[in-house]
Amino acid sequence: MVAEGAEVARDPCGGGSSSVDCDEAVRQLYSYLDGELTEERRLQISVHLDRCGPCAEATDFEGELRAVIASRCRDHVPEDLLARIAQAIDEEQRRHSGAS
């Protein structure tokens, strides 16, 4: 079901009419993956992805790529650096607490 007032675009992937075409799905791919869309827009793109294999594959690929990057691209922060940062934050908070 298309929301009232929403434009219906012709889906070049052969998925029929939907409120989102392939170009729009690709433009909003990262916002979709990041959960930055409204619930209505997310649903519209989900419907498109259910009907469009190429867009669904692109979404799956990007999601998997992000997961690999997130799991392998982590820097180890030395414990002494973490302790120094925590100490600096505590000192800054004490200074601001005493100034008010």
PDB file of N, CA and C in Angstrom:
ATOM      1  N   MET A   1       0.844  -1.184   0.000  1.00  0.00           N
ATOM      2  CA  MET A   1       0.000   0.000   0.000  1.00  0.00           C
ATOM      3  C   MET A   1       0.884   1.240   0.000  1.00  0.00           C
ATOM      4  N   VAL A   2       0.602   2.155  -0.867  1.00  0.00           N
ATOM      5  CA  VAL A   2       1.362   3.396  -0.991  1.00  0.00           C
ATOM      6  C   VAL A   2       0.693   4.450  -0.130  1.00  0.00           C
ATOM      7  N   ALA A   3       1.506   5.194   0.615  1.00  0.00           N
ATOM      8  CA  ALA A   3       0.977   6.240   1.479  1.00  0.00           C
ATOM      9  C   ALA A   3       0.262   7.288   0.644  1.00  0.00           C
ATOM     10  N   GLU A   4      -0.776   7.844   1.219  1.00  0.00           N
ATOM     11  CA  GLU A   4      -1.548   8.865   0.521  1.00  0.00           C
ATOM     12  C   GLU A   4      -0.653  10.030   0.158  1.00  0.00           C
ATOM     13  N   GLY A   5      -0.717  10.440  -1.090  1.00  0.00           N
ATOM     14  CA  GLY A   5       0.061  11.566  -1.558  1.00  0.00           C
ATOM     15  C   GLY A   5       1.454  11.181  -2.027  1.00  0.00           C
ATOM     16  N   ALA A   6       1.842   9.919  -1.829  1.00  0.00           N
ATOM     17  CA  ALA A   6       3.178   9.485  -2.263  1.00  0.00           C
ATOM     18  C   ALA A   6       3.176   9.242  -3.758  1.00  0.00           C
ATOM     19  N   GLU A   7       4.275   9.602  -4.390  1.00  0.00           N
ATOM     20  CA  GLU A   7       4.392   9.348  -5.817  1.00  0.00           C
ATOM     21  C   GLU A   7       4.715   7.886  -6.040  1.00  0.00           C
ATOM     22  N   VAL A   8       4.154   7.324  -7.078  1.00  0.00           N
ATOM     23  CA  VAL A   8       4.440   5.940  -7.425  1.00  0.00           C
ATOM     24  C   VAL A   8       5.414   5.956  -8.583  1.00  0.00           C
ATOM     25  N   ALA A   9       6.561   5.310  -8.394  1.00  0.00           N
ATOM     26  CA  ALA A   9       7.601   5.277  -9.413  1.00  0.00           C
ATOM     27  C   ALA A   9       7.593   3.930 -10.101  1.00  0.00           C
ATOM     28  N   ARG A  10       7.939   3.921 -11.354  1.00  0.00           N
ATOM     29  CA  ARG A  10       8.052   2.666 -12.093  1.00  0.00           C
ATOM     30  C   ARG A  10       9.399   2.058 -11.748  1.00  0.00           C
ATOM     31  N   ASP A  11       9.394   0.829 -11.321  1.00  0.00           N
ATOM     32  CA  ASP A  11      10.607   0.144 -10.905  1.00  0.00           C
ATOM     33  C   ASP A  11      11.280  -0.485 -12.118  1.00  0.00           C
ATOM     34  N   PRO A  12      12.460   0.004 -12.510  1.00  0.00           N
ATOM     35  CA  PRO A  12      13.121  -0.542 -13.684  1.00  0.00           C
ATOM     36  C   PRO A  12      13.585  -1.986 -13.515  1.00  0.00           C
ATOM     37  N   CYS A  13      13.570  -2.515 -12.318  1.00  0.00           N
ATOM     38  CA  CYS A  13      13.983  -3.901 -12.104  1.00  0.00           C
ATOM     39  C   CYS A  13      12.847  -4.873 -12.386  1.00  0.00           C
ATOM     40  N   GLY A  14      11.719  -4.388 -12.773  1.00  0.00           N
ATOM     41  CA  GLY A  14      10.605  -5.273 -13.092  1.00  0.00           C
ATOM     42  C   GLY A  14       9.764  -5.651 -11.896  1.00  0.00           C
ATOM     43  N   GLY A  15       9.961  -4.973 -10.771  1.00  0.00           N
ATOM     44  CA  GLY A  15       9.207  -5.299  -9.572  1.00  0.00           C
ATOM     45  C   GLY A  15       7.830  -4.678  -9.546  1.00  0.00           C
ATOM     46  N   GLY A  16       7.457  -3.989 -10.602  1.00  0.00           N
ATOM     47  CA  GLY A  16       6.145  -3.355 -10.628  1.00  0.00           C
ATOM     48  C   GLY A  16       6.197  -1.961 -10.046  1.00  0.00           C
ATOM     49  N   SER A  17       5.043  -1.411  -9.801  1.00  0.00           N
ATOM     50  CA  SER A  17       4.961  -0.068  -9.232  1.00  0.00           C
ATOM     51  C   SER A  17       5.245  -0.124  -7.746  1.00  0.00           C
ATOM     52  N   SER A  18       5.999   0.824  -7.287  1.00  0.00           N
ATOM     53  CA  SER A  18       6.250   0.964  -5.861  1.00  0.00           C
ATOM     54  C   SER A  18       6.500   2.429  -5.589  1.00  0.00           C
ATOM     55  N   SER A  19       6.563   2.797  -4.322  1.00  0.00           N
ATOM     56  CA  SER A  19       6.805   4.198  -3.987  1.00  0.00           C
ATOM     57  C   SER A  19       8.295   4.516  -4.050  1.00  0.00           C
ATOM     58  N   VAL A  20       9.140   3.516  -4.281  1.00  0.00           N
ATOM     59  CA  VAL A  20      10.587   3.697  -4.362  1.00  0.00           C
ATOM     60  C   VAL A  20      11.087   2.987  -5.612  1.00  0.00           C
ATOM     61  N   ASP A  21      11.878   3.695  -6.435  1.00  0.00           N
ATOM     62  CA  ASP A  21      12.506   3.032  -7.579  1.00  0.00           C
ATOM     63  C   ASP A  21      13.945   2.689  -7.208  1.00  0.00           C
ATOM     64  N   CYS A  22      14.641   2.023  -8.110  1.00  0.00           N
ATOM     65  CA  CYS A  22      16.015   1.574  -7.830  1.00  0.00           C
ATOM     66  C   CYS A  22      16.947   2.741  -7.523  1.00  0.00           C
ATOM     67  N   ASP A  23      16.846   3.818  -8.280  1.00  0.00           N
ATOM     68  CA  ASP A  23      17.715   4.973  -8.047  1.00  0.00           C
ATOM     69  C   ASP A  23      17.535   5.512  -6.636  1.00  0.00           C
ATOM     70  N   GLU A  24      16.289   5.628  -6.213  1.00  0.00           N
ATOM     71  CA  GLU A  24      15.997   6.143  -4.872  1.00  0.00           C
ATOM     72  C   GLU A  24      16.476   5.169  -3.799  1.00  0.00           C
ATOM     73  N   ALA A  25      16.288   3.875  -4.026  1.00  0.00           N
ATOM     74  CA  ALA A  25      16.739   2.868  -3.060  1.00  0.00           C
ATOM     75  C   ALA A  25      18.255   2.948  -2.883  1.00  0.00           C
ATOM     76  N   VAL A  26      18.969   3.086  -3.987  1.00  0.00           N
ATOM     77  CA  VAL A  26      20.431   3.178  -3.917  1.00  0.00           C
ATOM     78  C   VAL A  26      20.852   4.479  -3.229  1.00  0.00           C
ATOM     79  N   ARG A  27      20.177   5.588  -3.533  1.00  0.00           N
ATOM     80  CA  ARG A  27      20.516   6.869  -2.894  1.00  0.00           C
ATOM     81  C   ARG A  27      20.338   6.803  -1.381  1.00  0.00           C
ATOM     82  N   GLN A  28      19.363   6.048  -0.926  1.00  0.00           N
ATOM     83  CA  GLN A  28      19.074   6.002   0.508  1.00  0.00           C
ATOM     84  C   GLN A  28      19.617   4.740   1.186  1.00  0.00           C
ATOM     85  N   LEU A  29      20.452   3.990   0.481  1.00  0.00           N
ATOM     86  CA  LEU A  29      20.966   2.729   1.000  1.00  0.00           C
ATOM     87  C   LEU A  29      21.657   2.891   2.349  1.00  0.00           C
ATOM     88  N   TYR A  30      22.562   3.856   2.462  1.00  0.00           N
ATOM     89  CA  TYR A  30      23.315   4.006   3.709  1.00  0.00           C
ATOM     90  C   TYR A  30      22.426   4.504   4.844  1.00  0.00           C
ATOM     91  N   SER A  31      21.506   5.381   4.544  1.00  0.00           N
ATOM     92  CA  SER A  31      20.560   5.828   5.570  1.00  0.00           C
ATOM     93  C   SER A  31      19.691   4.660   6.027  1.00  0.00           C
ATOM     94  N   TYR A  32      19.323   3.806   5.090  1.00  0.00           N
ATOM     95  CA  TYR A  32      18.540   2.609   5.409  1.00  0.00           C
ATOM     96  C   TYR A  32      19.347   1.688   6.323  1.00  0.00           C
ATOM     97  N   LEU A  33      20.594   1.407   5.950  1.00  0.00           N
ATOM     98  CA  LEU A  33      21.438   0.515   6.748  1.00  0.00           C
ATOM     99  C   LEU A  33      21.755   1.104   8.123  1.00  0.00           C
ATOM    100  N   ASP A  34      21.850   2.426   8.195  1.00  0.00           N
ATOM    101  CA  ASP A  34      22.166   3.090   9.463  1.00  0.00           C
ATOM    102  C   ASP A  34      20.939   3.304  10.340  1.00  0.00           C
ATOM    103  N   GLY A  35      19.753   2.960   9.843  1.00  0.00           N
ATOM    104  CA  GLY A  35      18.531   3.149  10.628  1.00  0.00           C
ATOM    105  C   GLY A  35      18.148   4.607  10.786  1.00  0.00           C
ATOM    106  N   GLU A  36      18.502   5.436   9.798  1.00  0.00           N
ATOM    107  CA  GLU A  36      18.258   6.879   9.894  1.00  0.00           C
ATOM    108  C   GLU A  36      16.981   7.333   9.198  1.00  0.00           C
ATOM    109  N   LEU A  37      16.203   6.401   8.681  1.00  0.00           N
ATOM    110  CA  LEU A  37      14.986   6.761   7.955  1.00  0.00           C
ATOM    111  C   LEU A  37      13.776   6.694   8.872  1.00  0.00           C
ATOM    112  N   THR A  38      12.732   7.409   8.461  1.00  0.00           N
ATOM    113  CA  THR A  38      11.477   7.279   9.202  1.00  0.00           C
ATOM    114  C   THR A  38      10.966   5.852   9.015  1.00  0.00           C
ATOM    115  N   GLU A  39      10.113   5.421   9.894  1.00  0.00           N
ATOM    116  CA  GLU A  39       9.556   4.069   9.801  1.00  0.00           C
ATOM    117  C   GLU A  39       8.827   3.875   8.474  1.00  0.00           C
ATOM    118  N   GLU A  40       8.105   4.899   8.042  1.00  0.00           N
ATOM    119  CA  GLU A  40       7.379   4.809   6.767  1.00  0.00           C
ATOM    120  C   GLU A  40       8.340   4.648   5.589  1.00  0.00           C
ATOM    121  N   ARG A  41       9.407   5.458   5.573  1.00  0.00           N
ATOM    122  CA  ARG A  41      10.365   5.375   4.460  1.00  0.00           C
ATOM    123  C   ARG A  41      11.121   4.055   4.489  1.00  0.00           C
ATOM    124  N   ARG A  42      11.461   3.597   5.678  1.00  0.00           N
ATOM    125  CA  ARG A  42      12.147   2.309   5.816  1.00  0.00           C
ATOM    126  C   ARG A  42      11.266   1.184   5.275  1.00  0.00           C
ATOM    127  N   LEU A  43       9.984   1.233   5.563  1.00  0.00           N
ATOM    128  CA  LEU A  43       9.052   0.228   5.062  1.00  0.00           C
ATOM    129  C   LEU A  43       8.972   0.288   3.538  1.00  0.00           C
ATOM    130  N   GLN A  44       8.914   1.484   2.976  1.00  0.00           N
ATOM    131  CA  GLN A  44       8.855   1.627   1.520  1.00  0.00           C
ATOM    132  C   GLN A  44      10.084   1.017   0.851  1.00  0.00           C
ATOM    133  N   ILE A  45      11.250   1.267   1.427  1.00  0.00           N
ATOM    134  CA  ILE A  45      12.472   0.710   0.850  1.00  0.00           C
ATOM    135  C   ILE A  45      12.516  -0.802   1.063  1.00  0.00           C
ATOM    136  N   SER A  46      12.048  -1.265   2.199  1.00  0.00           N
ATOM    137  CA  SER A  46      11.995  -2.709   2.442  1.00  0.00           C
ATOM    138  C   SER A  46      11.126  -3.415   1.417  1.00  0.00           C
ATOM    139  N   VAL A  47       9.998  -2.806   1.089  1.00  0.00           N
ATOM    140  CA  VAL A  47       9.109  -3.383   0.068  1.00  0.00           C
ATOM    141  C   VAL A  47       9.846  -3.450  -1.263  1.00  0.00           C
ATOM    142  N   HIS A  48      10.553  -2.387  -1.613  1.00  0.00           N
ATOM    143  CA  HIS A  48      11.314  -2.391  -2.856  1.00  0.00           C
ATOM    144  C   HIS A  48      12.368  -3.502  -2.833  1.00  0.00           C
ATOM    145  N   LEU A  49      13.085  -3.629  -1.725  1.00  0.00           N
ATOM    146  CA  LEU A  49      14.131  -4.646  -1.627  1.00  0.00           C
ATOM    147  C   LEU A  49      13.560  -6.060  -1.718  1.00  0.00           C
ATOM    148  N   ASP A  50      12.362  -6.244  -1.191  1.00  0.00           N
ATOM    149  CA  ASP A  50      11.701  -7.553  -1.291  1.00  0.00           C
ATOM    150  C   ASP A  50      11.389  -7.915  -2.734  1.00  0.00           C
ATOM    151  N   ARG A  51      11.169  -6.917  -3.567  1.00  0.00           N
ATOM    152  CA  ARG A  51      10.757  -7.143  -4.961  1.00  0.00           C
ATOM    153  C   ARG A  51      11.906  -7.035  -5.960  1.00  0.00           C
ATOM    154  N   CYS A  52      13.035  -6.484  -5.547  1.00  0.00           N
ATOM    155  CA  CYS A  52      14.108  -6.177  -6.492  1.00  0.00           C
ATOM    156  C   CYS A  52      15.398  -6.886  -6.085  1.00  0.00           C
ATOM    157  N   GLY A  53      15.707  -7.947  -6.782  1.00  0.00           N
ATOM    158  CA  GLY A  53      16.893  -8.730  -6.474  1.00  0.00           C
ATOM    159  C   GLY A  53      18.194  -7.950  -6.513  1.00  0.00           C
ATOM    160  N   PRO A  54      18.458  -7.167  -7.590  1.00  0.00           N
ATOM    161  CA  PRO A  54      19.719  -6.419  -7.639  1.00  0.00           C
ATOM    162  C   PRO A  54      19.891  -5.439  -6.474  1.00  0.00           C
ATOM    163  N   CYS A  55      18.843  -4.747  -6.105  1.00  0.00           N
ATOM    164  CA  CYS A  55      18.943  -3.803  -4.982  1.00  0.00           C
ATOM    165  C   CYS A  55      19.108  -4.552  -3.663  1.00  0.00           C
ATOM    166  N   ALA A  56      18.424  -5.670  -3.507  1.00  0.00           N
ATOM    167  CA  ALA A  56      18.561  -6.479  -2.300  1.00  0.00           C
ATOM    168  C   ALA A  56      19.988  -7.013  -2.177  1.00  0.00           C
ATOM    169  N   GLU A  57      20.557  -7.463  -3.303  1.00  0.00           N
ATOM    170  CA  GLU A  57      21.932  -7.959  -3.286  1.00  0.00           C
ATOM    171  C   GLU A  57      22.908  -6.849  -2.917  1.00  0.00           C
ATOM    172  N   ALA A  58      22.699  -5.657  -3.452  1.00  0.00           N
ATOM    173  CA  ALA A  58      23.568  -4.521  -3.123  1.00  0.00           C
ATOM    174  C   ALA A  58      23.475  -4.198  -1.637  1.00  0.00           C
ATOM    175  N   THR A  59      22.276  -4.238  -1.101  1.00  0.00           N
ATOM    176  CA  THR A  59      22.072  -3.958   0.320  1.00  0.00           C
ATOM    177  C   THR A  59      22.754  -5.017   1.173  1.00  0.00           C
ATOM    178  N   ASP A  60      22.594  -6.283   0.804  1.00  0.00           N
ATOM    179  CA  ASP A  60      23.252  -7.363   1.545  1.00  0.00           C
ATOM    180  C   ASP A  60      24.767  -7.213   1.509  1.00  0.00           C
ATOM    181  N   PHE A  61      25.302  -6.907   0.325  1.00  0.00           N
ATOM    182  CA  PHE A  61      26.746  -6.739   0.183  1.00  0.00           C
ATOM    183  C   PHE A  61      27.252  -5.616   1.078  1.00  0.00           C
ATOM    184  N   GLU A  62      26.595  -4.461   1.024  1.00  0.00           N
ATOM    185  CA  GLU A  62      27.030  -3.315   1.832  1.00  0.00           C
ATOM    186  C   GLU A  62      26.928  -3.628   3.324  1.00  0.00           C
ATOM    187  N   GLY A  63      25.861  -4.318   3.720  1.00  0.00           N
ATOM    188  CA  GLY A  63      25.711  -4.695   5.126  1.00  0.00           C
ATOM    189  C   GLY A  63      26.819  -5.624   5.583  1.00  0.00           C
ATOM    190  N   GLU A  64      27.151  -6.622   4.753  1.00  0.00           N
ATOM    191  CA  GLU A  64      28.233  -7.544   5.092  1.00  0.00           C
ATOM    192  C   GLU A  64      29.582  -6.829   5.113  1.00  0.00           C
ATOM    193  N   LEU A  65      29.806  -5.944   4.150  1.00  0.00           N
ATOM    194  CA  LEU A  65      31.056  -5.181   4.111  1.00  0.00           C
ATOM    195  C   LEU A  65      31.221  -4.345   5.375  1.00  0.00           C
ATOM    196  N   ARG A  66      30.172  -3.700   5.804  1.00  0.00           N
ATOM    197  CA  ARG A  66      30.234  -2.905   7.031  1.00  0.00           C
ATOM    198  C   ARG A  66      30.559  -3.776   8.237  1.00  0.00           C
ATOM    199  N   ALA A  67      29.965  -4.968   8.293  1.00  0.00           N
ATOM    200  CA  ALA A  67      30.223  -5.872   9.415  1.00  0.00           C
ATOM    201  C   ALA A  67      31.687  -6.310   9.438  1.00  0.00           C
ATOM    202  N   VAL A  68      32.246  -6.615   8.276  1.00  0.00           N
ATOM    203  CA  VAL A  68      33.657  -7.020   8.193  1.00  0.00           C
ATOM    204  C   VAL A  68      34.557  -5.869   8.618  1.00  0.00           C
ATOM    205  N   ILE A  69      34.281  -4.690   8.106  1.00  0.00           N
ATOM    206  CA  ILE A  69      35.093  -3.519   8.460  1.00  0.00           C
ATOM    207  C   ILE A  69      35.022  -3.252   9.958  1.00  0.00           C
ATOM    208  N   ALA A  70      33.825  -3.327  10.514  1.00  0.00           N
ATOM    209  CA  ALA A  70      33.654  -3.053  11.944  1.00  0.00           C
ATOM    210  C   ALA A  70      34.382  -4.083  12.806  1.00  0.00           C
ATOM    211  N   SER A  71      34.407  -5.332  12.352  1.00  0.00           N
ATOM    212  CA  SER A  71      35.035  -6.369  13.170  1.00  0.00           C
ATOM    213  C   SER A  71      36.550  -6.395  13.034  1.00  0.00           C
ATOM    214  N   ARG A  72      37.075  -5.906  11.929  1.00  0.00           N
ATOM    215  CA  ARG A  72      38.520  -6.013  11.693  1.00  0.00           C
ATOM    216  C   ARG A  72      39.273  -4.708  11.808  1.00  0.00           C
ATOM    217  N   CYS A  73      38.594  -3.626  11.804  1.00  0.00           N
ATOM    218  CA  CYS A  73      39.263  -2.319  11.812  1.00  0.00           C
ATOM    219  C   CYS A  73      39.111  -1.661  13.165  1.00  0.00           C
ATOM    220  N   ARG A  74      39.625  -2.319  14.163  1.00  0.00           N
ATOM    221  CA  ARG A  74      39.569  -1.757  15.513  1.00  0.00           C
ATOM    222  C   ARG A  74      40.984  -1.536  16.012  1.00  0.00           C
ATOM    223  N   ASP A  75      41.216  -0.351  16.465  1.00  0.00           N
ATOM    224  CA  ASP A  75      42.517  -0.043  17.034  1.00  0.00           C
ATOM    225  C   ASP A  75      42.509  -0.398  18.509  1.00  0.00           C
ATOM    226  N   HIS A  76      43.623  -0.915  18.966  1.00  0.00           N
ATOM    227  CA  HIS A  76      43.761  -1.197  20.390  1.00  0.00           C
ATOM    228  C   HIS A  76      44.280   0.067  21.075  1.00  0.00           C
ATOM    229  N   VAL A  77      43.572   0.498  22.078  1.00  0.00           N
ATOM    230  CA  VAL A  77      43.985   1.680  22.836  1.00  0.00           C
ATOM    231  C   VAL A  77      44.676   1.194  24.100  1.00  0.00           C
ATOM    232  N   PRO A  78      45.919   1.606  24.296  1.00  0.00           N
ATOM    233  CA  PRO A  78      46.660   1.173  25.491  1.00  0.00           C
ATOM    234  C   PRO A  78      45.932   1.584  26.777  1.00  0.00           C
ATOM    235  N   GLU A  79      46.022   0.697  27.770  1.00  0.00           N
ATOM    236  CA  GLU A  79      45.339   0.941  29.052  1.00  0.00           C
ATOM    237  C   GLU A  79      45.815   2.229  29.715  1.00  0.00           C
ATOM    238  N   ASP A  80      47.110   2.529  29.628  1.00  0.00           N
ATOM    239  CA  ASP A  80      47.612   3.747  30.278  1.00  0.00           C
ATOM    240  C   ASP A  80      47.045   5.006  29.626  1.00  0.00           C
ATOM    241  N   LEU A  81      46.802   4.951  28.323  1.00  0.00           N
ATOM    242  CA  LEU A  81      46.189   6.094  27.646  1.00  0.00           C
ATOM    243  C   LEU A  81      44.741   6.262  28.100  1.00  0.00           C
ATOM    244  N   LEU A  82      44.010   5.149  28.199  1.00  0.00           N
ATOM    245  CA  LEU A  82      42.627   5.216  28.694  1.00  0.00           C
ATOM    246  C   LEU A  82      42.581   5.796  30.104  1.00  0.00           C
ATOM    247  N   ALA A  83      43.525   5.398  30.949  1.00  0.00           N
ATOM    248  CA  ALA A  83      43.571   5.899  32.323  1.00  0.00           C
ATOM    249  C   ALA A  83      43.862   7.400  32.345  1.00  0.00           C
ATOM    250  N   ARG A  84      44.799   7.849  31.495  1.00  0.00           N
ATOM    251  CA  ARG A  84      45.121   9.278  31.437  1.00  0.00           C
ATOM    252  C   ARG A  84      43.928  10.092  30.942  1.00  0.00           C
ATOM    253  N   ILE A  85      43.208   9.563  29.965  1.00  0.00           N
ATOM    254  CA  ILE A  85      42.021  10.267  29.456  1.00  0.00           C
ATOM    255  C   ILE A  85      40.957  10.352  30.535  1.00  0.00           C
ATOM    256  N   ALA A  86      40.719   9.243  31.248  1.00  0.00           N
ATOM    257  CA  ALA A  86      39.723   9.248  32.327  1.00  0.00           C
ATOM    258  C   ALA A  86      40.116  10.239  33.417  1.00  0.00           C
ATOM    259  N   GLN A  87      41.395  10.283  33.741  1.00  0.00           N
ATOM    260  CA  GLN A  87      41.873  11.224  34.757  1.00  0.00           C
ATOM    261  C   GLN A  87      41.670  12.669  34.292  1.00  0.00           C
ATOM    262  N   ALA A  88      41.976  12.961  33.046  1.00  0.00           N
ATOM    263  CA  ALA A  88      41.793  14.313  32.513  1.00  0.00           C
ATOM    264  C   ALA A  88      40.314  14.707  32.527  1.00  0.00           C
ATOM    265  N   ILE A  89      39.444  13.778  32.207  1.00  0.00           N
ATOM    266  CA  ILE A  89      38.000  14.062  32.242  1.00  0.00           C
ATOM    267  C   ILE A  89      37.561  14.349  33.661  1.00  0.00           C
ATOM    268  N   ASP A  90      38.021  13.536  34.628  1.00  0.00           N
ATOM    269  CA  ASP A  90      37.671  13.763  36.035  1.00  0.00           C
ATOM    270  C   ASP A  90      38.138  15.136  36.507  1.00  0.00           C
ATOM    271  N   GLU A  91      39.374  15.512  36.151  1.00  0.00           N
ATOM    272  CA  GLU A  91      39.904  16.813  36.551  1.00  0.00           C
ATOM    273  C   GLU A  91      39.084  17.948  35.937  1.00  0.00           C
ATOM    274  N   GLU A  92      38.729  17.792  34.676  1.00  0.00           N
ATOM    275  CA  GLU A  92      37.926  18.821  33.994  1.00  0.00           C
ATOM    276  C   GLU A  92      36.551  18.947  34.651  1.00  0.00           C
ATOM    277  N   GLN A  93      35.948  17.839  35.011  1.00  0.00           N
ATOM    278  CA  GLN A  93      34.640  17.877  35.669  1.00  0.00           C
ATOM    279  C   GLN A  93      34.750  18.541  37.041  1.00  0.00           C
ATOM    280  N   ARG A  94      35.810  18.265  37.773  1.00  0.00           N
ATOM    281  CA  ARG A  94      35.997  18.915  39.093  1.00  0.00           C
ATOM    282  C   ARG A  94      36.171  20.421  38.939  1.00  0.00           C
ATOM    283  N   ARG A  95      36.919  20.833  37.911  1.00  0.00           N
ATOM    284  CA  ARG A  95      37.114  22.276  37.686  1.00  0.00           C
ATOM    285  C   ARG A  95      35.796  22.956  37.365  1.00  0.00           C
ATOM    286  N   HIS A  96      34.985  22.319  36.519  1.00  0.00           N
ATOM    287  CA  HIS A  96      33.700  22.921  36.159  1.00  0.00           C
ATOM    288  C   HIS A  96      32.715  22.881  37.318  1.00  0.00           C
ATOM    289  N   SER A  97      32.800  21.865  38.154  1.00  0.00           N
ATOM    290  CA  SER A  97      31.912  21.775  39.329  1.00  0.00           C
ATOM    291  C   SER A  97      32.248  22.850  40.333  1.00  0.00           C
ATOM    292  N   GLY A  98      33.521  23.137  40.498  1.00  0.00           N
ATOM    293  CA  GLY A  98      33.965  24.161  41.456  1.00  0.00           C
ATOM    294  C   GLY A  98      33.707  25.572  40.957  1.00  0.00           C
ATOM    295  N   ALA A  99      33.591  25.736  39.633  1.00  0.00           N
ATOM    296  CA  ALA A  99      33.390  27.062  39.051  1.00  0.00           C
ATOM    297  C   ALA A  99      31.933  27.511  39.114  1.00  0.00           C
ATOM    298  N   SER A 100      30.999  26.577  39.323  1.00  0.00           N
ATOM    299  CA  SER A 100      29.581  26.981  39.306  1.00  0.00           C
ATOM    300  C   SER A 100      29.069  27.454  40.597  1.00  0.00           C
TER     301      SER A 100
END
